[in-house]
Amino acid sequence: MTEAAYDPDKTVDARGAACPGPLMDLIGAIKSVDSGAIVRLRSDNEQSTTDVPEWTEESGNELLELVETDDGYDFYVKKA
């Protein structure tokens, strides 16, 4: 397990949610924070490892880091 180098402004725990739930939760969280804020998405859905990077690229937000944890993945996304 790797420790992330970012201190998120908001954390969304979507572990246990089926696809596309984690991505939808992330999108909602991004909409609720100011530009430059960092949102951490916690997900145990492997599809998120594809969905989140694709969405951040399309949306103009920045995927700062993807950390594999003991119980899934933590995505650190910076709002554009």
N, C-alpha and C. Protein backbone atom coordinates (compact mmCIF):
# COMPACT_ATOMS: atom_id res chain seq x y z
N MET A 1 0.84 -1.18 0.00
CA MET A 1 0.00 0.00 0.00
C MET A 1 0.89 1.24 0.00
N THR A 2 0.51 2.21 -0.80
CA THR A 2 1.26 3.44 -0.94
C THR A 2 0.49 4.59 -0.30
N GLU A 3 1.21 5.49 0.31
CA GLU A 3 0.62 6.68 0.93
C GLU A 3 0.59 7.80 -0.12
N ALA A 4 -0.54 8.48 -0.25
CA ALA A 4 -0.67 9.56 -1.23
C ALA A 4 0.00 10.83 -0.71
N ALA A 5 0.42 11.65 -1.65
CA ALA A 5 1.10 12.89 -1.31
C ALA A 5 0.15 14.08 -1.26
N TYR A 6 -1.15 13.83 -1.30
CA TYR A 6 -2.13 14.91 -1.37
C TYR A 6 -3.05 14.91 -0.16
N ASP A 7 -3.46 16.11 0.25
CA ASP A 7 -4.40 16.29 1.35
C ASP A 7 -5.72 16.74 0.72
N PRO A 8 -6.70 15.82 0.59
CA PRO A 8 -7.92 16.18 -0.12
C PRO A 8 -8.80 17.17 0.64
N ASP A 9 -9.48 18.01 -0.13
CA ASP A 9 -10.46 18.94 0.43
C ASP A 9 -11.77 18.23 0.72
N LYS A 10 -12.03 17.15 -0.01
CA LYS A 10 -13.26 16.39 0.16
C LYS A 10 -12.96 14.93 -0.18
N THR A 11 -13.58 14.01 0.56
CA THR A 11 -13.43 12.58 0.29
C THR A 11 -14.80 11.98 0.04
N VAL A 12 -14.88 11.17 -1.01
CA VAL A 12 -16.10 10.45 -1.34
C VAL A 12 -15.78 8.96 -1.23
N ASP A 13 -16.50 8.27 -0.36
CA ASP A 13 -16.28 6.83 -0.19
C ASP A 13 -17.35 6.08 -0.97
N ALA A 14 -16.97 5.57 -2.13
CA ALA A 14 -17.90 4.84 -3.00
C ALA A 14 -17.61 3.35 -3.00
N ARG A 15 -16.88 2.88 -2.00
CA ARG A 15 -16.60 1.44 -1.93
C ARG A 15 -17.91 0.69 -1.79
N GLY A 16 -18.04 -0.39 -2.54
CA GLY A 16 -19.25 -1.19 -2.52
C GLY A 16 -20.26 -0.80 -3.58
N ALA A 17 -20.05 0.33 -4.24
CA ALA A 17 -20.98 0.80 -5.27
C ALA A 17 -20.66 0.15 -6.61
N ALA A 18 -21.71 -0.23 -7.33
CA ALA A 18 -21.53 -0.81 -8.66
C ALA A 18 -21.31 0.30 -9.68
N CYS A 19 -20.67 -0.03 -10.77
CA CYS A 19 -20.42 0.89 -11.86
C CYS A 19 -21.75 1.35 -12.44
N PRO A 20 -21.97 2.59 -12.73
CA PRO A 20 -21.06 3.73 -12.72
C PRO A 20 -21.15 4.57 -11.44
N GLY A 21 -21.62 3.98 -10.35
CA GLY A 21 -21.80 4.71 -9.11
C GLY A 21 -20.61 5.52 -8.64
N PRO A 22 -19.41 4.91 -8.55
CA PRO A 22 -18.26 5.69 -8.09
C PRO A 22 -17.98 6.93 -8.94
N LEU A 23 -18.08 6.78 -10.26
CA LEU A 23 -17.83 7.93 -11.13
C LEU A 23 -18.90 9.00 -10.93
N MET A 24 -20.14 8.59 -10.80
CA MET A 24 -21.22 9.56 -10.58
C MET A 24 -21.03 10.30 -9.25
N ASP A 25 -20.58 9.58 -8.23
CA ASP A 25 -20.30 10.20 -6.93
C ASP A 25 -19.16 11.21 -7.06
N LEU A 26 -18.14 10.86 -7.83
CA LEU A 26 -17.01 11.77 -8.05
C LEU A 26 -17.48 13.03 -8.78
N ILE A 27 -18.27 12.87 -9.81
CA ILE A 27 -18.76 14.02 -10.57
C ILE A 27 -19.56 14.96 -9.67
N GLY A 28 -20.42 14.39 -8.82
CA GLY A 28 -21.18 15.21 -7.88
C GLY A 28 -20.29 15.96 -6.92
N ALA A 29 -19.25 15.30 -6.43
CA ALA A 29 -18.32 15.94 -5.49
C ALA A 29 -17.53 17.06 -6.17
N ILE A 30 -17.09 16.83 -7.40
CA ILE A 30 -16.33 17.84 -8.14
C ILE A 30 -17.20 19.09 -8.34
N LYS A 31 -18.48 18.89 -8.62
CA LYS A 31 -19.39 20.03 -8.83
C LYS A 31 -19.57 20.85 -7.55
N SER A 32 -19.37 20.22 -6.40
CA SER A 32 -19.65 20.90 -5.13
C SER A 32 -18.45 21.63 -4.53
N VAL A 33 -17.28 21.54 -5.17
CA VAL A 33 -16.08 22.19 -4.63
C VAL A 33 -15.60 23.29 -5.56
N ASP A 34 -14.75 24.15 -5.03
CA ASP A 34 -14.20 25.26 -5.81
C ASP A 34 -13.08 24.78 -6.72
N SER A 35 -12.81 25.56 -7.74
CA SER A 35 -11.70 25.29 -8.65
C SER A 35 -10.40 25.18 -7.86
N GLY A 36 -9.59 24.19 -8.18
CA GLY A 36 -8.32 23.98 -7.49
C GLY A 36 -8.42 23.02 -6.32
N ALA A 37 -9.63 22.69 -5.90
CA ALA A 37 -9.81 21.76 -4.78
C ALA A 37 -9.48 20.34 -5.21
N ILE A 38 -9.07 19.54 -4.25
CA ILE A 38 -8.74 18.14 -4.51
C ILE A 38 -9.81 17.25 -3.86
N VAL A 39 -10.34 16.34 -4.67
CA VAL A 39 -11.33 15.38 -4.20
C VAL A 39 -10.70 13.99 -4.25
N ARG A 40 -10.84 13.26 -3.14
CA ARG A 40 -10.39 11.87 -3.12
C ARG A 40 -11.61 10.98 -3.29
N LEU A 41 -11.55 10.09 -4.27
CA LEU A 41 -12.58 9.09 -4.47
C LEU A 41 -12.03 7.75 -4.01
N ARG A 42 -12.73 7.11 -3.09
CA ARG A 42 -12.36 5.76 -2.65
C ARG A 42 -13.30 4.79 -3.33
N SER A 43 -12.75 3.83 -4.05
CA SER A 43 -13.57 2.88 -4.81
C SER A 43 -12.91 1.50 -4.76
N ASP A 44 -13.76 0.48 -4.72
CA ASP A 44 -13.24 -0.89 -4.82
C ASP A 44 -13.72 -1.53 -6.12
N ASN A 45 -14.24 -0.72 -7.02
CA ASN A 45 -14.71 -1.19 -8.31
C ASN A 45 -13.58 -1.03 -9.32
N GLU A 46 -13.10 -2.15 -9.86
CA GLU A 46 -11.95 -2.09 -10.78
C GLU A 46 -12.24 -1.27 -12.03
N GLN A 47 -13.50 -1.19 -12.44
CA GLN A 47 -13.85 -0.40 -13.62
C GLN A 47 -13.51 1.08 -13.42
N SER A 48 -13.46 1.52 -12.17
CA SER A 48 -13.11 2.92 -11.88
C SER A 48 -11.71 3.26 -12.38
N THR A 49 -10.82 2.28 -12.44
CA THR A 49 -9.45 2.55 -12.89
C THR A 49 -9.41 2.94 -14.36
N THR A 50 -10.47 2.64 -15.09
CA THR A 50 -10.60 3.07 -16.48
C THR A 50 -11.49 4.31 -16.57
N ASP A 51 -12.64 4.26 -15.87
CA ASP A 51 -13.63 5.33 -15.96
C ASP A 51 -13.11 6.68 -15.48
N VAL A 52 -12.44 6.70 -14.33
CA VAL A 52 -12.01 7.98 -13.75
C VAL A 52 -10.96 8.66 -14.63
N PRO A 53 -9.89 7.97 -15.06
CA PRO A 53 -8.93 8.64 -15.93
C PRO A 53 -9.55 9.16 -17.24
N GLU A 54 -10.45 8.37 -17.84
CA GLU A 54 -11.11 8.82 -19.07
C GLU A 54 -11.96 10.07 -18.81
N TRP A 55 -12.72 10.07 -17.71
CA TRP A 55 -13.57 11.21 -17.40
C TRP A 55 -12.75 12.46 -17.10
N THR A 56 -11.67 12.32 -16.33
CA THR A 56 -10.87 13.51 -16.01
C THR A 56 -10.27 14.11 -17.27
N GLU A 57 -9.83 13.28 -18.19
CA GLU A 57 -9.27 13.79 -19.44
C GLU A 57 -10.34 14.52 -20.25
N GLU A 58 -11.52 13.94 -20.34
CA GLU A 58 -12.61 14.54 -21.12
C GLU A 58 -13.15 15.81 -20.46
N SER A 59 -13.17 15.84 -19.13
CA SER A 59 -13.79 16.95 -18.41
C SER A 59 -12.85 18.13 -18.17
N GLY A 60 -11.55 17.91 -18.36
CA GLY A 60 -10.58 18.98 -18.12
C GLY A 60 -10.08 19.04 -16.69
N ASN A 61 -10.57 18.14 -15.83
CA ASN A 61 -10.05 18.04 -14.48
C ASN A 61 -8.76 17.22 -14.51
N GLU A 62 -8.03 17.20 -13.42
CA GLU A 62 -6.72 16.55 -13.42
C GLU A 62 -6.67 15.40 -12.42
N LEU A 63 -6.35 14.20 -12.93
CA LEU A 63 -6.11 13.06 -12.05
C LEU A 63 -4.68 13.18 -11.55
N LEU A 64 -4.54 13.57 -10.28
CA LEU A 64 -3.21 13.78 -9.71
C LEU A 64 -2.52 12.46 -9.38
N GLU A 65 -3.30 11.51 -8.87
CA GLU A 65 -2.69 10.25 -8.45
C GLU A 65 -3.77 9.19 -8.30
N LEU A 66 -3.39 7.96 -8.61
CA LEU A 66 -4.21 6.78 -8.37
C LEU A 66 -3.39 5.87 -7.46
N VAL A 67 -3.92 5.60 -6.27
CA VAL A 67 -3.20 4.80 -5.28
C VAL A 67 -3.98 3.51 -5.05
N GLU A 68 -3.31 2.38 -5.22
CA GLU A 68 -3.93 1.10 -4.89
C GLU A 68 -3.80 0.89 -3.39
N THR A 69 -4.93 0.60 -2.74
CA THR A 69 -4.95 0.41 -1.29
C THR A 69 -5.28 -1.05 -0.99
N ASP A 70 -5.27 -1.40 0.29
CA ASP A 70 -5.59 -2.77 0.69
C ASP A 70 -7.03 -3.14 0.34
N ASP A 71 -7.92 -2.14 0.24
CA ASP A 71 -9.33 -2.43 0.00
C ASP A 71 -9.88 -1.72 -1.24
N GLY A 72 -9.01 -1.42 -2.20
CA GLY A 72 -9.47 -0.81 -3.45
C GLY A 72 -8.50 0.21 -3.99
N TYR A 73 -9.06 1.36 -4.36
CA TYR A 73 -8.27 2.41 -5.01
C TYR A 73 -8.68 3.76 -4.45
N ASP A 74 -7.71 4.66 -4.37
CA ASP A 74 -7.96 6.05 -4.03
C ASP A 74 -7.52 6.90 -5.23
N PHE A 75 -8.44 7.70 -5.73
CA PHE A 75 -8.18 8.61 -6.83
C PHE A 75 -8.14 10.02 -6.28
N TYR A 76 -7.12 10.77 -6.61
CA TYR A 76 -7.00 12.17 -6.20
C TYR A 76 -7.19 13.03 -7.44
N VAL A 77 -8.29 13.78 -7.46
CA VAL A 77 -8.67 14.56 -8.64
C VAL A 77 -8.72 16.04 -8.26
N LYS A 78 -8.04 16.85 -9.05
CA LYS A 78 -8.03 18.30 -8.85
C LYS A 78 -9.01 18.93 -9.82
N LYS A 79 -9.94 19.75 -9.26
CA LYS A 79 -10.93 20.41 -10.10
C LYS A 79 -10.28 21.53 -10.90
N ALA A 80 -10.62 21.56 -12.19
CA ALA A 80 -10.09 22.58 -13.08
C ALA A 80 -10.65 23.95 -12.75
